[in-house]
C-alpha atoms as a PDB file:
ATOM      1  CA  UNK A   1       0.000   0.000   0.000  1.00  0.00           C
ATOM      2  CA  UNK A   2       1.309   3.431  -0.928  1.00  0.00           C
ATOM      3  CA  UNK A   3       1.813   6.065   1.725  1.00  0.00           C
ATOM      4  CA  UNK A   4      -0.788   8.845   1.460  1.00  0.00           C
ATOM      5  CA  UNK A   5       1.888  11.461   2.186  1.00  0.00           C
ATOM      6  CA  UNK A   6       5.071  12.340   0.346  1.00  0.00           C
ATOM      7  CA  UNK A   7       7.563  14.583   2.158  1.00  0.00           C
ATOM      8  CA  UNK A   8       9.135  15.546  -1.171  1.00  0.00           C
ATOM      9  CA  UNK A   9       5.952  17.215  -2.393  1.00  0.00           C
ATOM     10  CA  UNK A  10       5.784  20.923  -1.559  1.00  0.00           C
ATOM     11  CA  UNK A  11       2.148  20.886  -0.428  1.00  0.00           C
ATOM     12  CA  UNK A  12       2.430  17.782   1.722  1.00  0.00           C
ATOM     13  CA  UNK A  13       1.375  18.427   5.348  1.00  0.00           C
ATOM     14  CA  UNK A  14       4.339  16.375   6.553  1.00  0.00           C
ATOM     15  CA  UNK A  15       6.474  19.429   5.819  1.00  0.00           C
ATOM     16  CA  UNK A  16       4.867  21.199   8.777  1.00  0.00           C
ATOM     17  CA  UNK A  17       5.804  18.303  11.069  1.00  0.00           C
ATOM     18  CA  UNK A  18       9.368  18.255   9.748  1.00  0.00           C
ATOM     19  CA  UNK A  19       9.586  22.002  10.251  1.00  0.00           C
ATOM     20  CA  UNK A  20       8.459  21.608  13.865  1.00  0.00           C
ATOM     21  CA  UNK A  21      10.923  18.800  14.563  1.00  0.00           C
ATOM     22  CA  UNK A  22      13.778  20.691  12.923  1.00  0.00           C
ATOM     23  CA  UNK A  23      13.341  23.490  15.486  1.00  0.00           C
ATOM     24  CA  UNK A  24      16.084  23.387  18.124  1.00  0.00           C
ATOM     25  CA  UNK A  25      13.727  24.430  20.912  1.00  0.00           C
ATOM     26  CA  UNK A  26      11.214  21.695  20.056  1.00  0.00           C
ATOM     27  CA  UNK A  27      13.974  19.069  20.044  1.00  0.00           C
ATOM     28  CA  UNK A  28      15.320  20.236  23.388  1.00  0.00           C
ATOM     29  CA  UNK A  29      11.849  20.277  24.960  1.00  0.00           C
ATOM     30  CA  UNK A  30      10.994  16.813  23.633  1.00  0.00           C
ATOM     31  CA  UNK A  31      14.327  15.439  24.847  1.00  0.00           C
ATOM     32  CA  UNK A  32      13.891  17.027  28.275  1.00  0.00           C
ATOM     33  CA  UNK A  33      10.439  15.431  28.636  1.00  0.00           C
ATOM     34  CA  UNK A  34      11.664  11.932  27.835  1.00  0.00           C
ATOM     35  CA  UNK A  35      12.200  11.089  31.531  1.00  0.00           C
ATOM     36  CA  UNK A  36       8.740  12.196  32.621  1.00  0.00           C
ATOM     37  CA  UNK A  37       6.527  15.235  33.212  1.00  0.00           C
ATOM     38  CA  UNK A  38       8.184  18.604  33.823  1.00  0.00           C
ATOM     39  CA  UNK A  39       6.781  21.896  35.037  1.00  0.00           C
ATOM     40  CA  UNK A  40       6.930  25.013  32.852  1.00  0.00           C
ATOM     41  CA  UNK A  41       9.413  26.916  35.019  1.00  0.00           C
ATOM     42  CA  UNK A  42      11.626  23.864  35.345  1.00  0.00           C
ATOM     43  CA  UNK A  43      11.785  23.621  31.531  1.00  0.00           C
ATOM     44  CA  UNK A  44      12.664  27.302  31.348  1.00  0.00           C
ATOM     45  CA  UNK A  45      15.508  26.839  33.826  1.00  0.00           C
ATOM     46  CA  UNK A  46      16.781  23.630  32.182  1.00  0.00           C
ATOM     47  CA  UNK A  47      16.878  24.964  28.615  1.00  0.00           C
ATOM     48  CA  UNK A  48      19.351  27.819  28.771  1.00  0.00           C
ATOM     49  CA  UNK A  49      18.681  30.673  26.373  1.00  0.00           C
ATOM     50  CA  UNK A  50      15.004  30.023  25.716  1.00  0.00           C
ATOM     51  CA  UNK A  51      12.714  32.935  26.510  1.00  0.00           C
ATOM     52  CA  UNK A  52       9.427  32.488  28.325  1.00  0.00           C
ATOM     53  CA  UNK A  53       7.571  33.576  25.175  1.00  0.00           C
ATOM     54  CA  UNK A  54       9.368  31.122  22.870  1.00  0.00           C
ATOM     55  CA  UNK A  55       8.957  28.294  25.384  1.00  0.00           C
ATOM     56  CA  UNK A  56       5.241  28.991  25.644  1.00  0.00           C
ATOM     57  CA  UNK A  57       4.800  29.197  21.854  1.00  0.00           C
ATOM     58  CA  UNK A  58       6.774  26.003  21.244  1.00  0.00           C
ATOM     59  CA  UNK A  59       4.875  24.086  23.924  1.00  0.00           C
ATOM     60  CA  UNK A  60       1.556  25.154  22.373  1.00  0.00           C
ATOM     61  CA  UNK A  61       2.680  23.974  18.924  1.00  0.00           C
ATOM     62  CA  UNK A  62       3.876  20.636  20.268  1.00  0.00           C
ATOM     63  CA  UNK A  63       0.608  20.202  22.169  1.00  0.00           C
ATOM     64  CA  UNK A  64      -1.404  21.056  19.042  1.00  0.00           C
ATOM     65  CA  UNK A  65       0.574  18.438  17.102  1.00  0.00           C
ATOM     66  CA  UNK A  66      -0.291  15.829  19.736  1.00  0.00           C
ATOM     67  CA  UNK A  67       3.312  15.327  20.841  1.00  0.00           C
ATOM     68  CA  UNK A  68       2.935  16.634  24.404  1.00  0.00           C
ATOM     69  CA  UNK A  69       0.127  17.019  26.905  1.00  0.00           C
ATOM     70  CA  UNK A  70      -0.478  19.865  29.333  1.00  0.00           C
ATOM     71  CA  UNK A  71      -1.885  19.388  32.817  1.00  0.00           C
ATOM     72  CA  UNK A  72      -2.949  22.291  35.015  1.00  0.00           C
ATOM     73  CA  UNK A  73      -3.010  21.902  38.799  1.00  0.00           C
ATOM     74  CA  UNK A  74      -5.276  24.221  40.808  1.00  0.00           C
ATOM     75  CA  UNK A  75      -2.603  25.606  43.101  1.00  0.00           C
ATOM     76  CA  UNK A  76      -1.706  29.179  43.991  1.00  0.00           C
ATOM     77  CA  UNK A  77      -0.027  30.120  41.768  1.00  0.00           C
ATOM     78  CA  UNK A  78      -1.288  27.688  39.142  1.00  0.00           C
ATOM     79  CA  UNK A  79       1.124  24.851  38.355  1.00  0.00           C
ATOM     80  CA  UNK A  80       1.400  23.626  34.766  1.00  0.00           C
ATOM     81  CA  UNK A  81       3.122  20.383  33.875  1.00  0.00           C
ATOM     82  CA  UNK A  82       4.015  19.001  30.441  1.00  0.00           C
ATOM     83  CA  UNK A  83       4.549  15.390  29.412  1.00  0.00           C
ATOM     84  CA  UNK A  84       5.075  13.402  26.247  1.00  0.00           C
ATOM     85  CA  UNK A  85       2.006  11.750  24.763  1.00  0.00           C
ATOM     86  CA  UNK A  86       2.129   8.258  23.300  1.00  0.00           C
ATOM     87  CA  UNK A  87       2.801   9.821  19.923  1.00  0.00           C
ATOM     88  CA  UNK A  88       5.544  12.014  21.391  1.00  0.00           C
ATOM     89  CA  UNK A  89       7.180   8.983  23.011  1.00  0.00           C
ATOM     90  CA  UNK A  90       7.598   7.425  19.557  1.00  0.00           C
ATOM     91  CA  UNK A  91      10.117  10.211  18.880  1.00  0.00           C
ATOM     92  CA  UNK A  92      12.237   9.948  22.029  1.00  0.00           C
ATOM     93  CA  UNK A  93      15.020   7.770  20.622  1.00  0.00           C
ATOM     94  CA  UNK A  94      15.188   9.769  17.387  1.00  0.00           C
ATOM     95  CA  UNK A  95      15.194  13.134  19.151  1.00  0.00           C
ATOM     96  CA  UNK A  96      17.797  12.031  21.697  1.00  0.00           C
ATOM     97  CA  UNK A  97      20.021  10.616  18.970  1.00  0.00           C
ATOM     98  CA  UNK A  98      19.883  13.860  17.004  1.00  0.00           C
ATOM     99  CA  UNK A  99      20.353  16.176  19.986  1.00  0.00           C
ATOM    100  CA  UNK A 100      23.201  14.191  21.481  1.00  0.00           C
ATOM    101  CA  UNK A 101      24.819  13.521  18.091  1.00  0.00           C
ATOM    102  CA  UNK A 102      25.543  17.262  18.023  1.00  0.00           C
ATOM    103  CA  UNK A 103      27.299  17.030  21.395  1.00  0.00           C
ATOM    104  CA  UNK A 104      29.350  14.006  20.406  1.00  0.00           C
ATOM    105  CA  UNK A 105      30.409  15.380  17.008  1.00  0.00           C
ATOM    106  CA  UNK A 106      30.827  19.088  17.665  1.00  0.00           C
ATOM    107  CA  UNK A 107      34.624  19.008  17.522  1.00  0.00           C
ATOM    108  CA  UNK A 108      34.516  17.354  14.084  1.00  0.00           C
ATOM    109  CA  UNK A 109      31.965  19.881  12.824  1.00  0.00           C
ATOM    110  CA  UNK A 110      34.037  22.816  14.064  1.00  0.00           C
ATOM    111  CA  UNK A 111      37.162  21.361  12.432  1.00  0.00           C
ATOM    112  CA  UNK A 112      35.302  20.898   9.139  1.00  0.00           C
ATOM    113  CA  UNK A 113      34.030  24.489   9.283  1.00  0.00           C
ATOM    114  CA  UNK A 114      37.531  25.784   9.964  1.00  0.00           C
ATOM    115  CA  UNK A 115      38.967  23.769   7.059  1.00  0.00           C
ATOM    116  CA  UNK A 116      36.198  24.936   4.718  1.00  0.00           C
ATOM    117  CA  UNK A 117      36.590  28.576   5.733  1.00  0.00           C
ATOM    118  CA  UNK A 118      40.357  28.453   5.130  1.00  0.00           C
ATOM    119  CA  UNK A 119      39.789  27.278   1.532  1.00  0.00           C
ATOM    120  CA  UNK A 120      36.842  29.541   0.650  1.00  0.00           C
ATOM    121  CA  UNK A 121      38.479  32.778   1.783  1.00  0.00           C
END
């Protein structure tokens, strides 16, 4: 049976999903949630450099895509916790591999950039 979607077609809705997953903030959030639910402020502290606005926007997009769930606790102040959904959990190994590949291979990437820049100049 043929797949109903083709990522190589410009109007395919899979492009939106790929765009979301190619976002560094989305990858970091998904990877951070792999060990269990996390509160909003904890995510903000854990992911250095992300603003409150960008975190909020990214969480809403991931929730809309069905990758994370949001639970509100009636405390003062209100506590909000995020967790991976079943669909989101299908991405955990892929997301972790991609995020941590960057850590493991950064020296090689920097060396390649330096070599390239010395030739191009």
